[in-house]
């Protein structure tokens, strides 16, 4: 079987991107306070980008004869991104920091994908991983700037 580690990473991304979309959606729903009018619609853009990545990742896995997770039970059982119960007990900065944590995890997973796809010589998938990692790092920078913090991407 070819590209075993790459396919495992792709499927992990299917679970984690699905979960990240829900975390962003929850931020969108439960956001309140300062900057609401600016940040609330921005979360739609963030969800769209994550969902676009999910589609590309899933289709690449299928193209490699893989089997992407496709049920809520599979996503919940396999994601490594933490969630919170839905309520108004978190501030917007706390919610944005939670998004940063999720994005940092995704950047590390994309980096892992870059490395395993290099080892397995699957350069087409590696190209996807590189592009998406770059996009995720931009989101980290943007969110950290909103939180009045440095990106800390190379930390």
C-alpha atoms as a PDB file:
ATOM      1  CA  UNK A   1       0.000   0.000   0.000  1.00  0.00           C
ATOM      2  CA  UNK A   2       1.329   3.391  -1.009  1.00  0.00           C
ATOM      3  CA  UNK A   3       1.317   6.634   0.993  1.00  0.00           C
ATOM      4  CA  UNK A   4       0.132   5.017   4.231  1.00  0.00           C
ATOM      5  CA  UNK A   5       1.341   7.781   6.589  1.00  0.00           C
ATOM      6  CA  UNK A   6       0.171  10.510   4.221  1.00  0.00           C
ATOM      7  CA  UNK A   7      -3.319   9.003   4.079  1.00  0.00           C
ATOM      8  CA  UNK A   8      -3.423   8.702   7.873  1.00  0.00           C
ATOM      9  CA  UNK A   9      -2.516  12.385   8.147  1.00  0.00           C
ATOM     10  CA  UNK A  10      -5.121  13.333   5.552  1.00  0.00           C
ATOM     11  CA  UNK A  11      -7.805  11.461   7.492  1.00  0.00           C
ATOM     12  CA  UNK A  12      -6.718  13.052  10.772  1.00  0.00           C
ATOM     13  CA  UNK A  13      -7.139  16.389   9.030  1.00  0.00           C
ATOM     14  CA  UNK A  14     -10.650  15.386   7.924  1.00  0.00           C
ATOM     15  CA  UNK A  15     -11.638  14.881  11.572  1.00  0.00           C
ATOM     16  CA  UNK A  16      -9.808  17.954  12.840  1.00  0.00           C
ATOM     17  CA  UNK A  17     -10.935  20.352  10.110  1.00  0.00           C
ATOM     18  CA  UNK A  18     -14.528  19.224  10.701  1.00  0.00           C
ATOM     19  CA  UNK A  19     -14.131  19.923  14.416  1.00  0.00           C
ATOM     20  CA  UNK A  20     -12.400  23.257  13.777  1.00  0.00           C
ATOM     21  CA  UNK A  21     -15.328  24.350  11.618  1.00  0.00           C
ATOM     22  CA  UNK A  22     -17.634  23.676  14.577  1.00  0.00           C
ATOM     23  CA  UNK A  23     -15.353  25.534  17.003  1.00  0.00           C
ATOM     24  CA  UNK A  24     -15.368  28.537  14.660  1.00  0.00           C
ATOM     25  CA  UNK A  25     -19.130  28.246  14.272  1.00  0.00           C
ATOM     26  CA  UNK A  26     -19.557  28.228  18.043  1.00  0.00           C
ATOM     27  CA  UNK A  27     -17.364  31.332  18.288  1.00  0.00           C
ATOM     28  CA  UNK A  28     -19.608  32.932  15.665  1.00  0.00           C
ATOM     29  CA  UNK A  29     -22.794  32.081  17.585  1.00  0.00           C
ATOM     30  CA  UNK A  30     -21.642  32.926  21.103  1.00  0.00           C
ATOM     31  CA  UNK A  31     -19.591  36.025  20.371  1.00  0.00           C
ATOM     32  CA  UNK A  32     -20.575  39.250  22.090  1.00  0.00           C
ATOM     33  CA  UNK A  33     -19.118  42.556  23.178  1.00  0.00           C
ATOM     34  CA  UNK A  34     -16.437  44.766  21.680  1.00  0.00           C
ATOM     35  CA  UNK A  35     -15.756  44.223  17.975  1.00  0.00           C
ATOM     36  CA  UNK A  36     -18.831  41.998  17.559  1.00  0.00           C
ATOM     37  CA  UNK A  37     -19.943  43.741  14.368  1.00  0.00           C
ATOM     38  CA  UNK A  38     -16.502  43.250  12.822  1.00  0.00           C
ATOM     39  CA  UNK A  39     -15.686  39.754  14.108  1.00  0.00           C
ATOM     40  CA  UNK A  40     -19.063  38.051  13.778  1.00  0.00           C
ATOM     41  CA  UNK A  41     -19.129  38.163   9.944  1.00  0.00           C
ATOM     42  CA  UNK A  42     -15.380  37.439   9.818  1.00  0.00           C
ATOM     43  CA  UNK A  43     -16.069  34.047  11.403  1.00  0.00           C
ATOM     44  CA  UNK A  44     -18.114  33.176   8.294  1.00  0.00           C
ATOM     45  CA  UNK A  45     -14.977  33.736   6.207  1.00  0.00           C
ATOM     46  CA  UNK A  46     -12.922  31.621   8.605  1.00  0.00           C
ATOM     47  CA  UNK A  47     -15.483  28.780   8.382  1.00  0.00           C
ATOM     48  CA  UNK A  48     -15.526  28.992   4.587  1.00  0.00           C
ATOM     49  CA  UNK A  49     -11.743  28.673   4.436  1.00  0.00           C
ATOM     50  CA  UNK A  50     -11.685  25.661   6.782  1.00  0.00           C
ATOM     51  CA  UNK A  51     -14.516  23.993   4.865  1.00  0.00           C
ATOM     52  CA  UNK A  52     -12.668  24.585   1.587  1.00  0.00           C
ATOM     53  CA  UNK A  53      -9.567  22.953   3.083  1.00  0.00           C
ATOM     54  CA  UNK A  54     -11.690  20.037   4.300  1.00  0.00           C
ATOM     55  CA  UNK A  55     -13.050  19.474   0.806  1.00  0.00           C
ATOM     56  CA  UNK A  56      -9.612  19.497  -0.825  1.00  0.00           C
ATOM     57  CA  UNK A  57      -8.132  17.231   1.871  1.00  0.00           C
ATOM     58  CA  UNK A  58     -11.029  14.752   1.622  1.00  0.00           C
ATOM     59  CA  UNK A  59     -10.899  14.654  -2.168  1.00  0.00           C
ATOM     60  CA  UNK A  60      -7.134  14.130  -2.114  1.00  0.00           C
ATOM     61  CA  UNK A  61      -7.597  11.218   0.282  1.00  0.00           C
ATOM     62  CA  UNK A  62     -10.181   9.702  -2.065  1.00  0.00           C
ATOM     63  CA  UNK A  63      -7.847  10.207  -5.022  1.00  0.00           C
ATOM     64  CA  UNK A  64      -5.213   8.191  -3.134  1.00  0.00           C
ATOM     65  CA  UNK A  65      -7.718   5.324  -2.611  1.00  0.00           C
ATOM     66  CA  UNK A  66      -8.281   6.377   0.996  1.00  0.00           C
ATOM     67  CA  UNK A  67     -11.522   6.499   2.940  1.00  0.00           C
ATOM     68  CA  UNK A  68     -12.213   9.832   4.657  1.00  0.00           C
ATOM     69  CA  UNK A  69     -14.204   9.887   7.848  1.00  0.00           C
ATOM     70  CA  UNK A  70     -17.742  10.841   6.919  1.00  0.00           C
ATOM     71  CA  UNK A  71     -19.902  10.596  10.042  1.00  0.00           C
ATOM     72  CA  UNK A  72     -20.205  12.811  13.105  1.00  0.00           C
ATOM     73  CA  UNK A  73     -19.312   9.813  15.266  1.00  0.00           C
ATOM     74  CA  UNK A  74     -16.064   9.287  13.340  1.00  0.00           C
ATOM     75  CA  UNK A  75     -15.186  12.970  13.530  1.00  0.00           C
ATOM     76  CA  UNK A  76     -15.850  13.146  17.270  1.00  0.00           C
ATOM     77  CA  UNK A  77     -13.951   9.933  17.978  1.00  0.00           C
ATOM     78  CA  UNK A  78     -10.876  11.007  16.027  1.00  0.00           C
ATOM     79  CA  UNK A  79     -10.463  14.767  16.446  1.00  0.00           C
ATOM     80  CA  UNK A  80      -7.790  16.131  18.723  1.00  0.00           C
ATOM     81  CA  UNK A  81      -9.201  19.675  18.795  1.00  0.00           C
ATOM     82  CA  UNK A  82     -10.927  20.459  22.070  1.00  0.00           C
ATOM     83  CA  UNK A  83     -14.351  22.039  22.272  1.00  0.00           C
ATOM     84  CA  UNK A  84     -16.421  23.793  24.910  1.00  0.00           C
ATOM     85  CA  UNK A  85     -20.112  23.583  25.773  1.00  0.00           C
ATOM     86  CA  UNK A  86     -22.089  26.290  24.020  1.00  0.00           C
ATOM     87  CA  UNK A  87     -22.913  29.195  26.318  1.00  0.00           C
ATOM     88  CA  UNK A  88     -21.991  32.815  26.964  1.00  0.00           C
ATOM     89  CA  UNK A  89     -19.478  32.210  29.760  1.00  0.00           C
ATOM     90  CA  UNK A  90     -16.396  33.000  27.613  1.00  0.00           C
ATOM     91  CA  UNK A  91     -15.246  36.425  26.469  1.00  0.00           C
ATOM     92  CA  UNK A  92     -14.509  37.117  22.827  1.00  0.00           C
ATOM     93  CA  UNK A  93     -10.746  37.266  23.531  1.00  0.00           C
ATOM     94  CA  UNK A  94     -10.975  33.854  25.241  1.00  0.00           C
ATOM     95  CA  UNK A  95     -12.811  32.470  22.230  1.00  0.00           C
ATOM     96  CA  UNK A  96     -10.253  33.922  19.822  1.00  0.00           C
ATOM     97  CA  UNK A  97      -7.415  32.455  21.898  1.00  0.00           C
ATOM     98  CA  UNK A  98      -9.184  29.091  21.673  1.00  0.00           C
ATOM     99  CA  UNK A  99      -9.249  29.479  17.890  1.00  0.00           C
ATOM    100  CA  UNK A 100      -5.517  30.211  17.951  1.00  0.00           C
ATOM    101  CA  UNK A 101      -4.951  26.958  19.839  1.00  0.00           C
ATOM    102  CA  UNK A 102      -6.895  25.048  17.188  1.00  0.00           C
ATOM    103  CA  UNK A 103      -5.051  26.768  14.364  1.00  0.00           C
ATOM    104  CA  UNK A 104      -1.687  26.047  16.007  1.00  0.00           C
ATOM    105  CA  UNK A 105      -2.610  22.381  16.240  1.00  0.00           C
ATOM    106  CA  UNK A 106      -3.610  22.363  12.538  1.00  0.00           C
ATOM    107  CA  UNK A 107      -0.333  24.065  11.553  1.00  0.00           C
ATOM    108  CA  UNK A 108       1.601  21.359  13.396  1.00  0.00           C
ATOM    109  CA  UNK A 109      -0.484  18.636  11.740  1.00  0.00           C
ATOM    110  CA  UNK A 110       0.113  20.174   8.313  1.00  0.00           C
ATOM    111  CA  UNK A 111       3.845  20.265   9.132  1.00  0.00           C
ATOM    112  CA  UNK A 112       3.682  16.574  10.008  1.00  0.00           C
ATOM    113  CA  UNK A 113       1.946  15.991   6.684  1.00  0.00           C
ATOM    114  CA  UNK A 114       4.684  17.890   4.861  1.00  0.00           C
ATOM    115  CA  UNK A 115       7.281  15.619   6.446  1.00  0.00           C
ATOM    116  CA  UNK A 116       5.522  12.276   5.866  1.00  0.00           C
ATOM    117  CA  UNK A 117       4.532  13.136   2.312  1.00  0.00           C
ATOM    118  CA  UNK A 118       8.173  14.030   1.646  1.00  0.00           C
ATOM    119  CA  UNK A 119       9.322  10.676   3.031  1.00  0.00           C
ATOM    120  CA  UNK A 120       6.709   8.862   0.929  1.00  0.00           C
ATOM    121  CA  UNK A 121       7.498  11.044  -2.105  1.00  0.00           C
ATOM    122  CA  UNK A 122       3.896  12.208  -2.506  1.00  0.00           C
ATOM    123  CA  UNK A 123       4.800  15.694  -3.639  1.00  0.00           C
ATOM    124  CA  UNK A 124       1.320  16.571  -4.890  1.00  0.00           C
ATOM    125  CA  UNK A 125      -0.133  16.102  -1.406  1.00  0.00           C
ATOM    126  CA  UNK A 126       2.878  17.837   0.088  1.00  0.00           C
ATOM    127  CA  UNK A 127       2.097  20.889  -2.043  1.00  0.00           C
ATOM    128  CA  UNK A 128      -1.436  20.958  -0.612  1.00  0.00           C
ATOM    129  CA  UNK A 129      -0.084  20.667   2.936  1.00  0.00           C
ATOM    130  CA  UNK A 130       2.379  23.515   2.371  1.00  0.00           C
ATOM    131  CA  UNK A 131      -0.272  25.866   0.980  1.00  0.00           C
ATOM    132  CA  UNK A 132      -2.738  25.172   3.762  1.00  0.00           C
ATOM    133  CA  UNK A 133      -0.094  25.479   6.480  1.00  0.00           C
ATOM    134  CA  UNK A 134       0.791  28.902   5.084  1.00  0.00           C
ATOM    135  CA  UNK A 135      -2.886  29.951   5.185  1.00  0.00           C
ATOM    136  CA  UNK A 136      -3.264  28.673   8.757  1.00  0.00           C
ATOM    137  CA  UNK A 137      -0.170  30.592   9.883  1.00  0.00           C
ATOM    138  CA  UNK A 138      -1.710  33.755   8.441  1.00  0.00           C
ATOM    139  CA  UNK A 139      -4.848  33.154  10.533  1.00  0.00           C
ATOM    140  CA  UNK A 140      -2.682  32.704  13.638  1.00  0.00           C
ATOM    141  CA  UNK A 141      -0.963  36.019  12.920  1.00  0.00           C
ATOM    142  CA  UNK A 142      -4.286  37.798  12.346  1.00  0.00           C
ATOM    143  CA  UNK A 143      -5.922  36.425  15.490  1.00  0.00           C
ATOM    144  CA  UNK A 144      -2.845  37.111  17.601  1.00  0.00           C
ATOM    145  CA  UNK A 145      -2.786  40.689  16.287  1.00  0.00           C
ATOM    146  CA  UNK A 146      -6.446  41.091  17.292  1.00  0.00           C
ATOM    147  CA  UNK A 147      -5.434  39.841  20.747  1.00  0.00           C
ATOM    148  CA  UNK A 148      -2.562  42.379  20.787  1.00  0.00           C
ATOM    149  CA  UNK A 149       0.049  39.594  20.753  1.00  0.00           C
ATOM    150  CA  UNK A 150       2.906  38.550  18.472  1.00  0.00           C
ATOM    151  CA  UNK A 151       2.215  35.585  16.154  1.00  0.00           C
ATOM    152  CA  UNK A 152       4.791  33.338  17.881  1.00  0.00           C
ATOM    153  CA  UNK A 153       4.802  31.025  14.865  1.00  0.00           C
ATOM    154  CA  UNK A 154       8.526  30.308  15.101  1.00  0.00           C
ATOM    155  CA  UNK A 155       8.517  29.913  18.890  1.00  0.00           C
END
